[in-house]
Protein backbone atom coordinates (compact mmCIF):
# COMPACT_ATOMS: atom_id res chain seq x y z
CA MET A 1 75.32 95.94 208.80
CA GLU A 2 72.72 97.83 206.74
CA ARG A 3 73.16 100.92 208.89
CA LEU A 4 76.92 100.78 208.43
CA LYS A 5 76.44 100.41 204.69
CA ASN A 6 74.22 103.57 204.65
CA CYS A 7 76.98 105.48 206.37
CA LEU A 8 79.33 104.60 203.48
CA LEU A 9 76.95 105.71 200.69
CA LYS A 10 77.70 108.75 198.57
CA LYS A 11 74.97 109.85 196.18
CA PRO A 12 75.93 111.50 192.88
CA SER A 13 75.09 114.99 191.77
CA LYS A 14 73.81 115.77 188.26
CA ASN A 15 77.31 116.77 187.11
CA ASP A 16 78.76 113.49 188.29
CA LEU A 17 76.70 111.52 185.74
CA ASP A 18 76.94 113.93 182.74
CA ASP A 19 79.79 111.93 181.18
CA GLY A 20 77.61 108.85 180.83
CA LEU A 21 80.26 106.51 182.17
CA GLU A 22 78.10 105.05 184.93
CA THR A 23 74.63 104.99 186.47
CA ALA A 24 73.69 106.49 189.83
CA THR A 25 73.76 103.01 191.42
CA GLU A 26 77.21 102.28 190.03
CA TYR A 27 78.47 105.63 191.21
CA THR A 28 77.29 104.96 194.81
CA GLU A 29 78.83 101.46 194.79
CA ARG A 30 82.11 102.80 193.48
CA TRP A 31 82.40 105.48 196.15
CA THR A 32 81.43 103.02 198.81
CA SER A 33 84.41 100.90 197.79
CA VAL A 34 86.67 103.94 197.75
CA ARG A 35 85.63 104.87 201.29
CA ILE A 36 86.33 101.35 202.45
CA ILE A 37 89.80 101.78 200.99
CA TYR A 38 90.15 104.96 203.11
CA TYR A 39 89.37 103.02 206.28
CA THR A 40 91.78 100.19 205.30
CA MET A 41 94.62 102.66 204.81
CA PHE A 42 93.80 104.26 208.14
CA LEU A 43 93.83 100.87 209.87
CA MET A 44 97.16 99.85 208.35
CA SER A 45 98.81 102.99 209.68
CA LEU A 46 97.03 102.64 213.00
CA GLY A 47 98.32 99.05 213.31
CA PHE A 48 101.86 100.37 213.01
CA SER A 49 101.63 103.46 215.22
CA ILE A 50 99.36 102.32 218.04
CA ILE A 51 102.20 100.49 219.77
CA LEU A 52 104.98 103.10 219.22
CA THR A 53 104.66 104.89 222.61
CA GLY A 54 103.91 101.68 224.52
CA VAL A 55 106.21 99.13 222.94
CA TRP A 56 109.32 100.25 224.93
CA PRO A 57 107.77 99.95 228.44
CA TYR A 58 105.98 96.77 227.30
CA LEU A 59 109.24 95.24 226.07
CA ASP A 60 111.04 96.41 229.18
CA LYS A 61 108.40 94.69 231.32
CA LEU A 62 108.51 91.42 229.47
CA ASP A 63 112.33 91.37 229.05
CA PRO A 64 114.31 94.02 231.03
CA HIS A 65 117.52 92.98 229.25
CA ALA A 66 116.21 93.59 225.69
CA GLY A 67 117.57 97.17 225.41
CA LYS A 68 116.76 100.08 223.14
CA GLU A 69 118.67 98.59 220.23
CA PHE A 70 116.24 95.69 220.11
CA LEU A 71 113.40 98.19 220.34
CA GLY A 72 114.57 99.58 216.99
CA TRP A 73 114.36 96.14 215.44
CA ILE A 74 110.88 95.60 216.77
CA VAL A 75 109.62 98.90 215.39
CA GLY A 76 111.45 98.25 212.13
CA ALA A 77 109.98 94.75 211.67
CA ASN A 78 106.63 96.12 210.54
CA PRO A 79 107.89 98.10 207.53
CA VAL A 80 110.38 95.40 206.59
CA GLY A 81 107.55 92.90 206.26
CA GLN A 82 105.51 95.42 204.29
CA MET A 83 108.40 96.27 201.98
CA ILE A 84 109.19 92.62 201.19
CA PHE A 85 105.63 91.46 200.54
CA SER A 86 104.10 94.56 198.85
CA PRO A 87 105.32 93.61 195.34
CA LEU A 88 104.15 90.02 195.87
CA VAL A 89 100.67 91.01 197.03
CA GLY A 90 100.46 93.56 194.18
CA TRP A 91 101.40 90.89 191.66
CA TRP A 92 98.85 88.54 193.20
CA GLY A 93 96.10 91.17 192.86
CA ASN A 94 97.04 91.84 189.20
CA ARG A 95 97.05 88.08 188.51
CA LEU A 96 93.58 87.61 189.94
CA GLY A 97 92.20 90.80 188.47
CA SER A 98 90.59 91.49 191.81
CA ILE A 99 91.77 92.91 195.15
CA ARG A 100 89.16 91.21 197.35
CA LEU A 101 90.98 87.96 198.14
CA PRO A 102 94.36 89.52 198.77
CA LEU A 103 92.78 92.03 201.18
CA LEU A 104 90.67 89.39 203.00
CA CYS A 105 93.82 87.29 203.54
CA SER A 106 95.79 90.37 204.64
CA LEU A 107 93.19 91.48 207.17
CA ALA A 108 92.86 87.95 208.58
CA LEU A 109 96.61 87.89 209.09
CA PHE A 110 96.51 91.40 210.65
CA SER A 111 93.96 90.27 213.22
CA ILE A 112 95.91 87.09 214.09
CA ALA A 113 99.22 88.92 214.47
CA SER A 114 97.61 91.57 216.64
CA GLY A 115 96.18 88.81 218.83
CA ILE A 116 99.71 87.37 219.23
CA TYR A 117 100.96 90.80 220.37
CA ALA A 118 98.16 91.00 222.97
CA CYS A 119 98.94 87.50 224.29
CA LEU A 120 102.68 87.67 224.72
CA GLU A 121 102.27 86.88 228.43
CA LEU A 122 101.24 83.41 227.49
CA PHE A 123 104.68 82.57 226.02
CA PRO A 124 106.98 81.37 228.79
CA THR A 125 110.31 82.21 227.01
CA HIS A 126 111.64 84.34 224.13
CA GLN A 127 108.87 86.88 224.54
CA LYS A 128 110.85 89.66 222.80
CA TYR A 129 111.27 87.44 219.74
CA TRP A 130 107.55 86.69 219.68
CA MET A 131 106.93 90.41 219.80
CA LEU A 132 109.30 90.89 216.88
CA TYR A 133 107.51 88.06 215.00
CA SER A 134 104.06 89.58 215.63
CA ARG A 135 105.16 93.01 214.40
CA PHE A 136 106.64 91.44 211.25
CA LEU A 137 103.39 89.65 210.48
CA ILE A 138 101.46 92.88 210.90
CA GLY A 139 103.87 94.40 208.42
CA VAL A 140 103.20 91.56 205.99
CA SER A 141 99.48 92.22 206.33
CA SER A 142 100.06 95.89 205.67
CA SER A 143 101.44 95.07 202.23
CA SER A 144 97.82 95.46 201.10
CA VAL A 145 98.45 99.17 201.03
CA ALA A 146 100.01 98.92 197.55
CA VAL A 147 96.92 97.04 196.31
CA CYS A 148 94.69 99.69 197.85
CA ARG A 149 96.58 102.50 196.10
CA SER A 150 96.44 100.64 192.79
CA TYR A 151 92.69 100.18 193.11
CA LEU A 152 92.20 103.80 194.04
CA SER A 153 93.89 104.98 190.89
CA ALA A 154 91.71 102.62 188.83
CA ALA A 155 88.45 103.46 190.62
CA THR A 156 88.52 107.26 190.33
CA LYS A 157 88.04 109.65 187.41
CA VAL A 158 90.74 112.17 186.56
CA LYS A 159 88.89 115.07 188.26
CA GLU A 160 88.38 112.94 191.41
CA ARG A 161 91.87 111.51 191.73
CA THR A 162 93.64 114.40 193.44
CA SER A 163 90.96 114.60 196.10
CA ALA A 164 90.94 110.82 196.56
CA VAL A 165 94.73 110.59 196.87
CA SER A 166 94.66 113.49 199.35
CA MET A 167 92.07 111.69 201.40
CA VAL A 168 94.18 108.56 201.46
CA SER A 169 97.12 110.64 202.76
CA LEU A 170 94.86 112.12 205.39
CA ALA A 171 93.64 108.66 206.44
CA GLN A 172 97.20 107.37 206.74
CA THR A 173 98.40 110.37 208.65
CA LEU A 174 95.45 110.22 211.04
CA GLY A 175 96.26 106.58 211.56
CA PHE A 176 99.86 107.53 212.57
CA ILE A 177 98.56 110.24 214.88
CA VAL A 178 95.51 108.51 216.46
CA GLY A 179 97.47 105.26 217.28
CA PRO A 180 99.56 106.78 220.13
CA VAL A 181 96.51 108.65 221.36
CA LEU A 182 94.63 105.36 221.73
CA GLN A 183 97.64 103.89 223.51
CA GLY A 184 97.45 106.79 225.99
CA ALA A 185 93.69 106.34 226.42
CA VAL A 186 94.09 102.72 227.60
CA THR A 187 96.64 103.71 230.31
CA MET A 188 93.56 103.68 232.62
CA PHE A 189 93.96 99.91 232.77
CA GLY A 190 97.44 100.27 234.33
CA GLU A 191 100.32 97.81 234.15
CA ASP A 192 98.43 95.07 235.95
CA GLY A 193 95.07 95.56 234.27
CA LEU A 194 92.11 93.17 234.36
CA PRO A 195 92.68 89.38 234.37
CA LEU A 196 91.36 87.58 231.29
CA ILE A 197 92.94 84.26 232.14
CA LYS A 198 93.86 84.07 235.81
CA ASN A 199 97.64 84.60 236.41
CA LYS A 200 98.31 84.13 232.68
CA LEU A 201 96.69 86.81 230.57
CA HIS A 202 95.66 90.39 231.38
CA LEU A 203 93.96 93.27 229.69
CA ASN A 204 96.38 96.09 230.56
CA MET A 205 97.64 99.31 229.04
CA TYR A 206 99.97 97.33 226.72
CA THR A 207 97.82 94.45 225.58
CA ALA A 208 94.71 96.61 225.06
CA THR A 209 96.26 98.10 221.87
CA GLY A 210 96.54 94.58 220.40
CA TRP A 211 92.88 93.83 221.09
CA ILE A 212 91.86 97.16 219.52
CA ASN A 213 93.69 96.07 216.34
CA VAL A 214 91.96 92.67 216.49
CA PHE A 215 88.47 94.27 216.68
CA MET A 216 89.13 96.85 213.95
CA GLY A 217 90.70 94.24 211.70
CA ILE A 218 87.65 91.95 211.93
CA LEU A 219 85.42 94.97 211.12
CA ASN A 220 87.48 95.76 208.09
CA PHE A 221 87.39 92.11 207.02
CA CYS A 222 83.56 92.23 207.01
CA LEU A 223 83.61 95.44 204.89
CA PHE A 224 85.34 93.54 202.05
CA LEU A 225 82.72 90.84 201.88
CA PRO A 226 80.85 90.79 198.50
CA PHE A 227 77.59 92.30 199.74
CA VAL A 228 79.39 95.48 200.93
CA PHE A 229 82.51 95.97 198.73
CA LYS A 230 81.91 95.93 194.97
CA GLU A 231 84.89 96.53 192.72
CA LYS A 232 84.35 99.34 190.23
CA ARG A 233 87.06 100.43 187.79
CA ILE A 234 86.38 103.54 185.72
CA ALA A 235 89.72 105.29 184.97
CA ALA A 236 90.55 103.25 181.81
CA ARG A 237 86.99 103.58 180.47
CA GLU A 238 87.12 107.36 180.99
CA ALA A 239 90.47 107.76 179.25
CA MET A 240 89.54 105.64 176.29
CA MET A 241 86.36 107.64 175.75
CA GLN A 242 88.06 111.04 176.04
CA GLN A 243 90.97 110.17 173.71
CA GLY A 244 89.06 108.03 171.24
CA LEU A 245 91.55 105.16 171.46
CA GLN A 246 90.81 101.51 171.14
CA SER A 247 92.91 99.96 173.94
CA GLU A 248 93.87 100.77 177.52
CA LYS A 249 97.58 100.38 176.80
CA GLU A 250 97.42 102.78 173.88
CA THR A 251 95.53 105.23 176.01
CA TRP A 252 97.98 105.40 178.90
CA LYS A 253 101.01 105.59 176.64
CA SER A 254 99.70 108.80 175.16
CA MET A 255 101.32 110.91 177.95
CA LYS A 256 104.85 110.68 179.23
CA PRO A 257 105.46 111.67 182.90
CA ASP A 258 108.49 113.61 184.17
CA TYR A 259 110.48 110.73 185.74
CA LEU A 260 113.05 112.99 187.46
CA SER A 261 110.22 114.77 189.26
CA ALA A 262 108.62 111.51 190.18
CA TRP A 263 111.82 110.08 191.66
CA THR A 264 112.47 113.35 193.46
CA LEU A 265 109.12 113.10 195.20
CA ILE A 266 109.71 109.46 196.07
CA CYS A 267 113.02 110.38 197.75
CA ALA A 268 111.38 113.37 199.53
CA PHE A 269 108.64 111.02 200.82
CA PHE A 270 111.30 108.65 202.15
CA ILE A 271 113.09 111.45 204.06
CA LEU A 272 109.84 112.85 205.43
CA VAL A 273 108.57 109.51 206.78
CA PHE A 274 112.07 108.72 208.05
CA ASN A 275 111.99 111.75 210.31
CA PHE A 276 108.41 111.47 211.43
CA VAL A 277 108.53 107.79 212.43
CA PHE A 278 111.86 108.32 214.19
CA LEU A 279 110.32 110.94 216.47
CA GLU A 280 107.34 108.78 217.34
CA THR A 281 109.60 105.83 218.03
CA LEU A 282 111.92 107.69 220.42
CA ALA A 283 109.33 110.02 221.97
CA THR A 284 108.69 107.79 224.95
CA PRO A 285 112.28 106.85 225.83
CA LEU A 286 113.42 110.44 225.06
CA THR A 287 111.00 111.92 227.55
CA MET A 288 111.80 109.30 230.08
CA ASP A 289 115.52 110.10 229.77
CA MET A 290 115.22 113.87 229.60
CA PHE A 291 112.43 114.57 232.12
CA ALA A 292 112.78 111.47 234.43
CA TRP A 293 109.20 110.33 233.70
CA THR A 294 108.05 106.86 234.71
CA LYS A 295 106.61 104.54 232.14
CA GLY A 296 103.03 105.38 233.08
CA GLU A 297 103.80 109.09 233.11
CA ALA A 298 105.46 108.97 229.69
CA LEU A 299 102.39 107.20 228.14
CA TYR A 300 100.02 109.57 229.91
CA TYR A 301 101.74 112.83 228.97
CA MET A 302 102.59 111.69 225.43
CA ALA A 303 98.90 110.77 224.89
CA TRP A 304 97.90 114.33 225.67
CA ILE A 305 100.68 115.82 223.58
CA MET A 306 99.78 113.66 220.63
CA ALA A 307 96.06 114.30 221.11
CA VAL A 308 96.75 118.07 220.78
CA GLY A 309 99.02 117.28 217.84
CA ALA A 310 96.23 115.31 216.17
CA ILE A 311 93.83 118.25 216.54
CA LEU A 312 96.45 120.61 215.11
CA ALA A 313 97.17 118.27 212.22
CA SER A 314 93.44 117.91 211.41
CA ALA A 315 93.12 121.70 211.31
CA VAL A 316 96.11 121.82 208.95
CA PHE A 317 94.53 119.28 206.62
CA LEU A 318 91.45 121.55 206.31
CA MET A 319 93.70 124.48 205.42
CA ILE A 320 95.73 122.75 202.69
CA ASP A 321 93.16 122.95 199.98
CA PRO A 322 92.27 126.68 200.33
CA LEU A 323 95.93 127.52 200.85
CA CYS A 324 96.96 125.77 197.62
CA LYS A 325 94.33 127.76 195.67
CA ARG A 326 96.27 130.91 196.51
CA ILE A 327 99.82 129.58 196.61
CA PRO A 328 101.37 127.03 194.24
CA GLU A 329 101.36 123.54 195.74
CA GLN A 330 105.15 123.12 195.40
CA GLN A 331 105.70 126.36 197.35
CA VAL A 332 103.38 125.17 200.15
CA LEU A 333 105.22 121.78 200.18
CA ILE A 334 108.62 123.41 200.49
CA TRP A 335 107.87 126.19 203.01
CA GLY A 336 104.89 124.79 204.86
CA GLY A 337 106.08 121.19 204.92
CA PHE A 338 109.82 120.73 204.76
CA PHE A 339 110.87 124.10 206.27
CA LEU A 340 108.78 123.49 209.39
CA MET A 341 110.16 119.96 209.65
CA VAL A 342 113.69 121.34 209.52
CA LEU A 343 112.87 123.79 212.30
CA GLY A 344 111.31 120.93 214.27
CA ARG A 345 114.52 118.96 214.19
CA ALA A 346 116.73 121.96 214.89
CA VAL A 347 114.69 122.98 217.97
CA TYR A 348 115.46 119.61 219.57
CA ILE A 349 119.18 120.31 219.72
CA PRO A 350 119.84 120.67 223.53
CA MET A 351 119.48 124.25 224.87
CA SER A 352 119.06 123.67 228.61
CA ASP A 353 121.49 125.27 231.09
CA SER A 354 121.86 122.04 232.98
CA PRO A 355 122.47 118.38 232.08
CA PRO A 356 119.61 115.86 232.30
CA LYS A 357 119.02 114.13 235.61
CA LEU A 358 120.99 110.97 235.77
CA ALA A 359 119.39 107.75 236.93
CA LEU A 360 121.24 106.23 239.91
CA ALA A 361 123.99 103.87 238.85
CA GLU A 362 123.75 100.18 239.52
CA ASN A 363 125.04 98.53 242.73
CA GLY A 364 127.60 100.91 244.38
CA THR A 365 125.78 104.23 243.71
CA ILE A 366 122.49 102.84 244.82
CA THR A 367 124.09 101.75 248.06
CA ALA A 368 125.89 105.03 248.61
CA MET A 369 122.68 106.98 248.22
CA ARG A 370 120.65 104.98 250.72
CA MET A 371 119.99 106.43 254.11
CA GLU A 372 120.05 104.56 257.44
CA ASP A 373 116.62 105.88 258.46
CA SER A 374 114.99 105.68 255.06
CA ALA A 375 111.88 103.62 254.70
CA SER A 376 112.05 103.75 250.92
CA ALA A 377 113.75 100.87 249.11
CA TYR A 378 115.01 103.08 246.25
CA VAL A 379 115.90 106.66 245.65
CA TYR A 380 115.45 108.48 242.36
CA GLY A 381 116.34 111.81 240.80
CA SER A 382 113.86 114.04 238.99
CA ASN A 383 113.32 117.57 237.81
CA PHE A 384 109.63 117.37 238.67
CA THR A 385 108.13 118.09 242.05
CA ASP A 386 104.63 116.87 241.52
CA VAL A 387 104.10 113.96 239.07
CA ARG A 388 101.83 111.02 238.70
CA SER A 389 103.99 108.42 240.45
CA ASN A 390 104.30 106.47 243.67
CA LEU A 391 108.11 106.64 243.52
CA THR A 392 110.24 108.63 245.99
CA ARG A 393 112.42 111.32 244.26
CA VAL A 394 115.32 113.33 245.66
CA ASP A 395 118.28 115.21 244.19
CA PHE A 396 121.75 113.69 243.92
CA ASP A 397 123.54 115.99 246.32
CA TYR A 398 122.78 113.76 249.33
CA SER A 399 125.92 112.76 251.30
CA GLY A 400 124.41 110.91 254.20
CA PRO A 401 125.53 107.72 255.88
CA ILE A 402 126.35 104.64 253.80
CA THR A 403 124.95 101.30 254.88
CA THR A 404 126.11 97.83 254.14
CA MET A 405 125.28 96.89 250.61
CA ASP A 406 121.93 95.14 250.29
CA PRO A 407 121.89 92.52 247.59
CA ASN A 408 118.26 93.26 246.97
CA ALA A 409 118.93 96.93 246.30
CA THR A 410 119.41 96.36 242.59
CA ASP A 411 116.12 94.59 242.10
CA GLY A 412 114.50 97.89 241.06
CA ALA A 413 117.35 99.04 238.87
CA LYS A 414 115.19 98.65 235.83
CA ASP A 415 112.82 101.27 237.19
CA LEU A 416 115.44 103.97 237.85
CA LEU A 417 114.34 107.35 236.52
CA GLY A 418 116.32 109.74 234.45
CA CYS A 419 119.00 109.46 231.81
CA PRO A 420 120.83 106.16 232.30
CA PRO A 421 124.60 106.41 232.95
CA THR A 422 125.14 103.53 230.52
CA GLN A 423 124.46 106.11 227.84
CA GLU A 424 127.80 107.98 228.13
CA TRP A 425 126.52 111.14 226.55
CA CYS A 426 124.08 111.65 229.44
CA LYS A 427 127.09 112.60 231.56
CA THR A 428 128.44 115.25 229.24
CA THR A 429 125.65 116.76 227.15
CA LYS A 430 123.15 119.42 228.06
CA GLY A 431 119.54 118.44 228.58
CA MET A 432 116.40 119.27 226.61
CA THR A 433 113.73 121.51 228.06
CA ILE A 434 110.04 120.61 228.04
CA SER A 435 109.36 123.81 226.03
CA GLN A 436 111.81 122.66 223.35
CA PHE A 437 110.06 119.29 223.09
CA LEU A 438 106.58 120.87 222.79
CA ILE A 439 107.62 123.50 220.20
CA GLY A 440 109.48 120.90 218.11
CA TYR A 441 106.47 118.55 218.23
CA ALA A 442 104.20 121.43 217.14
CA PHE A 443 106.33 122.14 214.08
CA THR A 444 106.21 118.42 213.24
CA ALA A 445 102.44 118.25 213.68
CA ILE A 446 102.03 121.09 211.20
CA GLY A 447 104.79 120.25 208.69
CA TYR A 448 104.28 116.49 208.31
CA PRO A 449 100.61 116.56 207.25
CA ILE A 450 101.40 119.27 204.65
CA GLY A 451 104.39 117.36 203.40
CA VAL A 452 102.89 113.90 203.11
CA THR A 453 99.62 115.19 201.57
CA LEU A 454 101.20 117.44 198.94
CA ILE A 455 103.94 114.94 198.02
CA THR A 456 101.37 112.32 197.25
CA THR A 457 99.04 114.77 195.49
CA ILE A 458 101.79 116.35 193.34
CA PHE A 459 103.15 112.84 192.62
CA SER A 460 99.78 111.78 191.29
CA LYS A 461 99.50 114.86 189.05
CA VAL A 462 103.10 114.52 187.76
CA LEU A 463 102.29 110.94 186.67
CA GLY A 464 99.13 112.15 184.89
CA PRO A 465 95.81 110.33 184.41
CA ARG A 466 97.20 106.80 184.19
CA PRO A 467 97.03 103.61 186.32
CA GLN A 468 99.44 104.39 189.13
CA GLY A 469 99.61 101.03 190.90
CA THR A 470 103.28 100.36 190.14
CA TRP A 471 104.40 103.93 190.96
CA MET A 472 102.29 104.01 194.12
CA GLY A 473 103.87 100.69 195.05
CA ILE A 474 107.29 102.26 194.73
CA MET A 475 106.16 105.21 196.82
CA THR A 476 104.80 102.81 199.47
CA GLY A 477 108.07 100.88 199.35
CA SER A 478 110.10 104.03 200.02
CA GLY A 479 107.91 104.77 203.04
CA CYS A 480 108.37 101.19 204.26
CA LEU A 481 112.11 101.41 203.84
CA SER A 482 112.27 104.63 205.80
CA ARG A 483 110.11 103.19 208.58
CA ALA A 484 112.39 100.20 208.71
CA LEU A 485 115.75 102.06 208.68
CA GLY A 486 114.68 105.17 210.66
CA PRO A 487 113.98 103.49 214.03
CA VAL A 488 116.98 101.14 213.84
CA PHE A 489 119.51 103.66 212.56
CA LEU A 490 118.54 106.64 214.71
CA SER A 491 117.80 104.73 217.89
CA THR A 492 121.37 103.44 217.67
CA ILE A 493 122.71 106.97 217.14
CA TYR A 494 120.63 108.26 220.00
CA THR A 495 121.78 105.56 222.40
CA LYS A 496 125.51 105.83 221.54
CA TYR A 497 126.03 109.47 220.51
CA GLY A 498 123.16 111.46 222.01
CA LEU A 499 120.99 114.38 221.07
CA TYR A 500 123.44 116.52 219.10
CA TRP A 501 124.21 113.82 216.55
CA THR A 502 120.64 112.57 216.40
CA PHE A 503 118.83 115.80 215.75
CA GLY A 504 121.72 117.50 213.98
CA SER A 505 121.87 114.76 211.36
CA THR A 506 118.10 114.72 210.83
CA ALA A 507 118.00 118.52 210.49
CA VAL A 508 120.73 118.44 207.81
CA MET A 509 118.95 115.62 206.03
CA MET A 510 115.71 117.58 205.83
CA ALA A 511 117.46 120.79 204.81
CA ILE A 512 119.24 119.09 201.88
CA THR A 513 115.99 117.61 200.67
CA MET A 514 114.25 120.96 200.95
CA LEU A 515 116.97 122.66 198.85
CA TRP A 516 116.66 120.00 196.15
CA LEU A 517 112.83 120.45 196.02
CA TRP A 518 113.45 124.20 195.61
CA GLN A 519 115.73 123.53 192.66
CA MET A 520 113.04 121.25 191.13
CA ARG A 521 110.06 123.48 191.88
CA GLN A 522 109.43 124.48 188.24
CA ARG A 523 109.10 120.78 187.26
CA LEU A 524 106.74 119.78 190.07
CA VAL A 525 103.68 120.57 187.99
CA PRO A 526 100.94 118.36 186.62
CA ILE A 527 100.77 117.11 183.05
CA PRO A 528 97.76 118.70 181.23
CA TYR A 529 94.95 116.27 181.69
CA ASP A 530 93.24 117.05 178.39
CA VAL A 531 96.15 116.21 176.15
CA SER A 532 95.35 113.40 173.72
CA CYS A 533 98.79 112.94 172.21
CA LYS A 534 102.35 112.35 173.15
CA GLY A 535 104.70 115.11 174.20
CA GLU A 536 106.44 115.47 170.81
CA GLU A 537 103.06 115.45 169.08
CA LEU A 538 101.88 118.23 171.41
CA VAL A 539 104.82 120.40 170.34
CA ALA A 540 103.90 119.86 166.71
CA VAL A 541 100.28 120.77 167.33
CA ILE A 542 101.30 123.95 169.15
CA ALA A 543 103.70 124.87 166.33
CA LYS A 544 100.97 124.35 163.75
CA GLN A 545 98.58 126.52 165.71
CA GLU A 546 101.18 129.29 165.96
CA GLN A 547 101.92 129.00 162.23
CA ALA A 548 98.25 129.24 161.37
CA GLY A 549 97.90 132.27 163.66
CA GLU A 550 100.85 133.99 161.89
CA GLN A 551 99.44 133.23 158.41
CA LYS A 552 96.09 134.64 159.47
CA LYS A 553 97.75 137.86 160.78
CA THR A 554 99.80 138.21 157.57
CA THR A 555 96.68 137.89 155.42
CA GLU A 556 94.86 140.49 157.52
CA ASP A 557 97.81 142.88 157.32
CA ALA A 558 98.00 142.43 153.52
CA ALA A 559 94.34 143.19 153.10
CA ASP A 560 94.62 146.34 155.22
CA GLN A 561 97.59 147.59 153.22
CA GLN A 562 95.78 146.91 149.90
CA LEU A 563 92.95 149.01 151.10
CA ASN A 564 95.43 151.77 151.84
CA GLY A 565 96.87 151.63 148.35
CA ASN A 566 100.06 149.64 148.97
CA PRO A 567 99.97 146.54 146.74
CA LYS A 568 103.63 145.57 147.58
CA ALA A 569 102.76 144.92 151.18
CA THR A 570 101.82 141.36 150.51
CA GLY A 571 105.09 140.55 148.89
CA ASP A 572 107.05 142.38 151.61
CA SER A 573 105.21 140.40 154.22
């Protein structure tokens, strides 16, 4: 534990202590607590995203009749729980005056709920509802995000806050990206996996993600114990000293934020997360439908795609700060974030010359496609010739002999590869190419990190140097709402109406938001941090300064004219 504590330490420089607000020991303890907050935010995002690529095949294995509509509810259960309980947990933290107990309870619940997800095999019936329940509980535990953001605004100085908020955004984004990568990494266990309890519980490529959450949740729980995490609040003390005011309330009322800009950024955050989570939710079923991948192949290939995306996103995070030193932050947000996200959605509109491969229909079509001399029980269609699968694949132009219908022929219907004929649009729409998918994902991997980081950073600056717990809670709630509605709403559109409606609607949504940000670009600027008076008082001060400058200039002009022999100059002036 001591070695872990040393890794979290941050020692101050001379400039960090010049303001006299804290000692070197207090500075180190404060930044240790902030870094623990970073890890907590990462874990909460990881707990949501780690199951996104694996939840569909896992659900299909536990209950083949659940359907993609129920998948949307399972994915949406997490943000619904977070959205409902975030205000309650925030109120609880304010009531206690401490965030330790709320976070310890949240992390304990997180570990228990993750354990339920990993042990779904133990439930004899209603497994899909237990999965839904476990994801809802993980969402409830994630309500600690609002408390973490509130503490972060109170535990950082004005000059540190932008960097701290940016690091939180980075931690959350990495959590969203790393989760699916970890899911892909555990595919080595396969669907059967290793038996933990004989014939009852297995460590496989689905349950391993739950156990990862359990382990990381317990570690985070330990980090919030009193001998590691020490609460340090410095923002109010700093503001009171700088402005010479007597109370915290009086201090933070001295500056009025631009509420229209704040709400604009909240709505933009909602749209951005809505589009990002939707893609991660549907990535696995989309690739299985378009490219006829098996469950194992979809997890394997998506793991590699998301791993490359994670590397690309990390490089983008390193470029944001130097880029914003040359280009205004709002311009980078609009063109580097939202414009690339619009392109990412537009690229996904089908452009292939041929329709997607259809999975064989149930019963009659399966029978019609069987051959008398075939040793294979099932026949599948695919546009791949060499893939990681033990399934037999042929095209659909076979017209060989028809045998008597075998009642057992439909037993493997749930494993049919390709776009299912039950989705009517599969029969009429064009397919997506693998190049389209990769290019669109690349645009998303670049645009989303820029968008989510700069929205949060600009939002913090627009609010000014004030406690931002309530506002950050609203921002968190908007992200929760988008993560709840996005998977349910768009998975339904995808299943019933197909690619054109799905990606066309999201592209239009992103484009409208981008245009509104462009209209608001002049107002997306920070409040001056060194102002010690209200907005109207600031105008008066500036007017007095200008008046004093004019009087000084008039006096100097009069003196010059008197020296030149023109005594009327003073009166004319």
